[in-house]
Amino acid sequence: MKKVTVPLDTNSYDILIGEDLIKNFPIHIDSMLSRKFLAIITDKNVEKIHLSRLVEALSGSGIDTKILSIDPGEASKSWNTLQMTVDWILESKIERNDIVVALGGGVVGDLVGFAAAIVRRGIRFVQCPTSLLAQVDSSVGGKTGIN
């Protein structure tokens, strides 16, 4: 595994690159948790491929999860999906010190990042891209270098 630190004045963060990150996710996230709980938002395509392995790894480490799965694709970048996501965050009693994980690509990352930013004056947010394009899309500068 490789760790790349993005050095910012007050909000530096790490990017982890490697194999088996889903299986080892609890090791990397545990010290960041204020309680043994994670909210995960994904889309229905990524859910079928990756979600069960992530939930299994987290539950094996005693971390409870609450999951929202949205429809895949650009159509989910909508006020309706944003409102549904924000309502779900509020109804799930996800607090500022909790972490919301965006599992998947650009639409999920964009939607979840925005929702996490506007609820409760900002909820902590972790992106877990699941494809090469999602990794580039999640990076600083996004797709501007490859479009």
C-alpha atoms as a PDB file:
ATOM      1  CA  MET A   1       0.000   0.000   0.000  1.00  0.00           C
ATOM      2  CA  LYS A   2       1.164   3.498  -0.781  1.00  0.00           C
ATOM      3  CA  LYS A   3       0.139   6.585   1.186  1.00  0.00           C
ATOM      4  CA  VAL A   4       0.197  10.006  -0.459  1.00  0.00           C
ATOM      5  CA  THR A   5      -0.356  13.002   1.805  1.00  0.00           C
ATOM      6  CA  VAL A   6      -1.991  16.076   0.329  1.00  0.00           C
ATOM      7  CA  PRO A   7      -0.338  18.843   2.374  1.00  0.00           C
ATOM      8  CA  LEU A   8      -2.720  21.689   3.141  1.00  0.00           C
ATOM      9  CA  ASP A   9      -2.369  24.369   5.795  1.00  0.00           C
ATOM     10  CA  THR A  10      -5.085  23.086   8.132  1.00  0.00           C
ATOM     11  CA  ASN A  11      -6.870  20.229   6.368  1.00  0.00           C
ATOM     12  CA  SER A  12      -4.184  17.885   5.040  1.00  0.00           C
ATOM     13  CA  TYR A  13      -5.381  14.420   4.149  1.00  0.00           C
ATOM     14  CA  ASP A  14      -4.007  11.067   3.057  1.00  0.00           C
ATOM     15  CA  ILE A  15      -4.754   9.099  -0.080  1.00  0.00           C
ATOM     16  CA  LEU A  16      -4.269   5.337   0.238  1.00  0.00           C
ATOM     17  CA  ILE A  17      -3.444   3.390  -2.913  1.00  0.00           C
ATOM     18  CA  GLY A  18      -3.152  -0.385  -3.009  1.00  0.00           C
ATOM     19  CA  GLU A  19      -4.755  -3.798  -3.067  1.00  0.00           C
ATOM     20  CA  ASP A  20      -7.254  -5.154  -0.531  1.00  0.00           C
ATOM     21  CA  LEU A  21      -8.162  -1.703   0.792  1.00  0.00           C
ATOM     22  CA  ILE A  22     -11.787  -2.777   1.229  1.00  0.00           C
ATOM     23  CA  LYS A  23     -10.729  -5.779   3.300  1.00  0.00           C
ATOM     24  CA  ASN A  24      -8.357  -3.619   5.345  1.00  0.00           C
ATOM     25  CA  PHE A  25     -10.622  -0.566   5.534  1.00  0.00           C
ATOM     26  CA  PRO A  26     -11.330  -1.021   9.266  1.00  0.00           C
ATOM     27  CA  ILE A  27      -7.602  -0.790  10.041  1.00  0.00           C
ATOM     28  CA  HIS A  28      -7.339   2.542   8.259  1.00  0.00           C
ATOM     29  CA  ILE A  29     -10.597   4.100   9.506  1.00  0.00           C
ATOM     30  CA  ASP A  30     -10.737   2.909  13.122  1.00  0.00           C
ATOM     31  CA  SER A  31      -8.604   5.681  14.626  1.00  0.00           C
ATOM     32  CA  MET A  32     -10.768   8.295  12.870  1.00  0.00           C
ATOM     33  CA  LEU A  33     -14.053   7.065  14.335  1.00  0.00           C
ATOM     34  CA  SER A  34     -15.684   8.904  17.213  1.00  0.00           C
ATOM     35  CA  ARG A  35     -17.871   5.809  17.732  1.00  0.00           C
ATOM     36  CA  LYS A  36     -17.914   2.346  16.144  1.00  0.00           C
ATOM     37  CA  PHE A  37     -20.226   3.465  13.359  1.00  0.00           C
ATOM     38  CA  LEU A  38     -20.006   4.439   9.674  1.00  0.00           C
ATOM     39  CA  ALA A  39     -22.611   5.696   7.257  1.00  0.00           C
ATOM     40  CA  ILE A  40     -22.048   4.355   3.741  1.00  0.00           C
ATOM     41  CA  ILE A  41     -23.639   5.769   0.613  1.00  0.00           C
ATOM     42  CA  THR A  42     -23.170   3.934  -2.669  1.00  0.00           C
ATOM     43  CA  ASP A  43     -25.027   3.247  -5.878  1.00  0.00           C
ATOM     44  CA  LYS A  44     -26.843   0.067  -6.799  1.00  0.00           C
ATOM     45  CA  ASN A  45     -24.155  -1.070  -9.270  1.00  0.00           C
ATOM     46  CA  VAL A  46     -21.278  -0.674  -6.792  1.00  0.00           C
ATOM     47  CA  GLU A  47     -23.460  -2.194  -4.067  1.00  0.00           C
ATOM     48  CA  LYS A  48     -23.661  -5.465  -6.013  1.00  0.00           C
ATOM     49  CA  ILE A  49     -19.894  -5.686  -6.468  1.00  0.00           C
ATOM     50  CA  HIS A  50     -18.237  -4.225  -3.354  1.00  0.00           C
ATOM     51  CA  LEU A  51     -20.656  -3.417  -0.523  1.00  0.00           C
ATOM     52  CA  SER A  52     -20.949  -6.861   1.086  1.00  0.00           C
ATOM     53  CA  ARG A  53     -17.139  -7.181   1.388  1.00  0.00           C
ATOM     54  CA  LEU A  54     -16.876  -3.752   2.997  1.00  0.00           C
ATOM     55  CA  VAL A  55     -19.719  -4.371   5.448  1.00  0.00           C
ATOM     56  CA  GLU A  56     -18.287  -7.798   6.318  1.00  0.00           C
ATOM     57  CA  ALA A  57     -14.859  -6.292   7.046  1.00  0.00           C
ATOM     58  CA  LEU A  58     -16.366  -3.514   9.156  1.00  0.00           C
ATOM     59  CA  SER A  59     -18.697  -5.787  11.133  1.00  0.00           C
ATOM     60  CA  GLY A  60     -15.796  -8.159  11.763  1.00  0.00           C
ATOM     61  CA  SER A  61     -14.062  -5.227  13.455  1.00  0.00           C
ATOM     62  CA  GLY A  62     -17.132  -4.299  15.490  1.00  0.00           C
ATOM     63  CA  ILE A  63     -18.064  -1.297  13.351  1.00  0.00           C
ATOM     64  CA  ASP A  64     -21.799  -0.858  12.740  1.00  0.00           C
ATOM     65  CA  THR A  65     -23.000   0.547   9.451  1.00  0.00           C
ATOM     66  CA  LYS A  66     -26.024   2.275   8.040  1.00  0.00           C
ATOM     67  CA  ILE A  67     -26.323   2.110   4.249  1.00  0.00           C
ATOM     68  CA  LEU A  68     -28.042   4.138   1.566  1.00  0.00           C
ATOM     69  CA  SER A  69     -27.927   2.934  -2.037  1.00  0.00           C
ATOM     70  CA  ILE A  70     -28.931   5.340  -4.795  1.00  0.00           C
ATOM     71  CA  ASP A  71     -29.635   4.776  -8.460  1.00  0.00           C
ATOM     72  CA  PRO A  72     -26.470   4.777 -10.597  1.00  0.00           C
ATOM     73  CA  GLY A  73     -25.705   7.393 -13.211  1.00  0.00           C
ATOM     74  CA  GLU A  74     -25.726  11.127 -13.830  1.00  0.00           C
ATOM     75  CA  ALA A  75     -29.493  11.333 -13.301  1.00  0.00           C
ATOM     76  CA  SER A  76     -28.819  10.897  -9.574  1.00  0.00           C
ATOM     77  CA  LYS A  77     -27.060  14.270  -9.527  1.00  0.00           C
ATOM     78  CA  SER A  78     -30.386  15.921  -8.811  1.00  0.00           C
ATOM     79  CA  TRP A  79     -32.110  17.972  -6.137  1.00  0.00           C
ATOM     80  CA  ASN A  80     -34.430  15.024  -5.458  1.00  0.00           C
ATOM     81  CA  THR A  81     -31.540  12.636  -4.794  1.00  0.00           C
ATOM     82  CA  LEU A  82     -29.720  15.278  -2.751  1.00  0.00           C
ATOM     83  CA  GLN A  83     -32.840  15.902  -0.672  1.00  0.00           C
ATOM     84  CA  MET A  84     -33.347  12.150  -0.172  1.00  0.00           C
ATOM     85  CA  THR A  85     -29.690  11.799   0.887  1.00  0.00           C
ATOM     86  CA  VAL A  86     -29.842  14.725   3.315  1.00  0.00           C
ATOM     87  CA  ASP A  87     -33.122  13.441   4.773  1.00  0.00           C
ATOM     88  CA  TRP A  88     -31.537   9.982   5.200  1.00  0.00           C
ATOM     89  CA  ILE A  89     -28.510  11.488   6.974  1.00  0.00           C
ATOM     90  CA  LEU A  90     -30.774  13.443   9.345  1.00  0.00           C
ATOM     91  CA  GLU A  91     -33.197  10.541   9.956  1.00  0.00           C
ATOM     92  CA  SER A  92     -30.220   8.237  10.616  1.00  0.00           C
ATOM     93  CA  LYS A  93     -28.984  10.666  13.282  1.00  0.00           C
ATOM     94  CA  ILE A  94     -25.558  10.923  11.687  1.00  0.00           C
ATOM     95  CA  GLU A  95     -23.656  13.543  13.657  1.00  0.00           C
ATOM     96  CA  ARG A  96     -20.834  15.958  12.826  1.00  0.00           C
ATOM     97  CA  ASN A  97     -18.187  13.698  14.361  1.00  0.00           C
ATOM     98  CA  ASP A  98     -19.372  10.652  12.415  1.00  0.00           C
ATOM     99  CA  ILE A  99     -17.999   9.762   8.993  1.00  0.00           C
ATOM    100  CA  VAL A 100     -19.957   9.371   5.790  1.00  0.00           C
ATOM    101  CA  VAL A 101     -18.269   7.094   3.249  1.00  0.00           C
ATOM    102  CA  ALA A 102     -18.903   7.523  -0.468  1.00  0.00           C
ATOM    103  CA  LEU A 103     -18.341   4.064  -1.935  1.00  0.00           C
ATOM    104  CA  GLY A 104     -18.059   4.325  -5.699  1.00  0.00           C
ATOM    105  CA  GLY A 105     -17.485   6.779  -8.481  1.00  0.00           C
ATOM    106  CA  GLY A 106     -18.038  10.355  -9.453  1.00  0.00           C
ATOM    107  CA  VAL A 107     -21.791  10.721  -8.963  1.00  0.00           C
ATOM    108  CA  VAL A 108     -21.676   9.132  -5.526  1.00  0.00           C
ATOM    109  CA  GLY A 109     -18.591  11.101  -4.509  1.00  0.00           C
ATOM    110  CA  ASP A 110     -20.012  14.417  -5.729  1.00  0.00           C
ATOM    111  CA  LEU A 111     -23.430  13.850  -4.172  1.00  0.00           C
ATOM    112  CA  VAL A 112     -22.171  12.548  -0.839  1.00  0.00           C
ATOM    113  CA  GLY A 113     -19.458  15.187  -0.571  1.00  0.00           C
ATOM    114  CA  PHE A 114     -21.996  17.963  -1.099  1.00  0.00           C
ATOM    115  CA  ALA A 115     -24.551  16.420   1.268  1.00  0.00           C
ATOM    116  CA  ALA A 116     -21.912  15.909   3.973  1.00  0.00           C
ATOM    117  CA  ALA A 117     -20.802  19.518   3.574  1.00  0.00           C
ATOM    118  CA  ILE A 118     -24.253  21.041   4.040  1.00  0.00           C
ATOM    119  CA  VAL A 119     -25.644  18.895   6.878  1.00  0.00           C
ATOM    120  CA  ARG A 120     -24.912  19.912  10.478  1.00  0.00           C
ATOM    121  CA  ARG A 121     -22.351  22.508   9.328  1.00  0.00           C
ATOM    122  CA  GLY A 122     -20.298  19.694   7.808  1.00  0.00           C
ATOM    123  CA  ILE A 123     -19.933  15.981   8.461  1.00  0.00           C
ATOM    124  CA  ARG A 124     -16.627  14.208   7.985  1.00  0.00           C
ATOM    125  CA  PHE A 125     -16.421  12.506   4.614  1.00  0.00           C
ATOM    126  CA  VAL A 126     -14.263   9.731   3.098  1.00  0.00           C
ATOM    127  CA  GLN A 127     -14.224   8.830  -0.592  1.00  0.00           C
ATOM    128  CA  CYS A 128     -13.653   5.212  -1.574  1.00  0.00           C
ATOM    129  CA  PRO A 129     -13.469   5.141  -5.366  1.00  0.00           C
ATOM    130  CA  THR A 130     -13.876   1.669  -6.828  1.00  0.00           C
ATOM    131  CA  SER A 131     -12.527   2.068 -10.354  1.00  0.00           C
ATOM    132  CA  LEU A 132      -9.631   3.839 -12.050  1.00  0.00           C
ATOM    133  CA  LEU A 133     -11.933   6.520 -13.466  1.00  0.00           C
ATOM    134  CA  ALA A 134     -13.494   7.018 -10.027  1.00  0.00           C
ATOM    135  CA  GLN A 135     -10.020   7.404  -8.538  1.00  0.00           C
ATOM    136  CA  VAL A 136      -9.111  10.097 -11.050  1.00  0.00           C
ATOM    137  CA  ASP A 137     -12.501  11.761 -10.640  1.00  0.00           C
ATOM    138  CA  SER A 138     -12.035  11.799  -6.852  1.00  0.00           C
ATOM    139  CA  SER A 139      -8.573  13.312  -7.035  1.00  0.00           C
ATOM    140  CA  VAL A 140      -7.591  16.929  -6.698  1.00  0.00           C
ATOM    141  CA  GLY A 141      -8.273  18.458 -10.094  1.00  0.00           C
ATOM    142  CA  GLY A 142     -10.556  15.614 -11.109  1.00  0.00           C
ATOM    143  CA  LYS A 143     -10.832  14.666 -14.756  1.00  0.00           C
ATOM    144  CA  THR A 144      -9.484  17.950 -16.110  1.00  0.00           C
ATOM    145  CA  GLY A 145      -6.235  16.270 -17.129  1.00  0.00           C
ATOM    146  CA  ILE A 146      -7.832  13.386 -19.059  1.00  0.00           C
ATOM    147  CA  ASN A 147     -11.015  14.764 -20.684  1.00  0.00           C
END
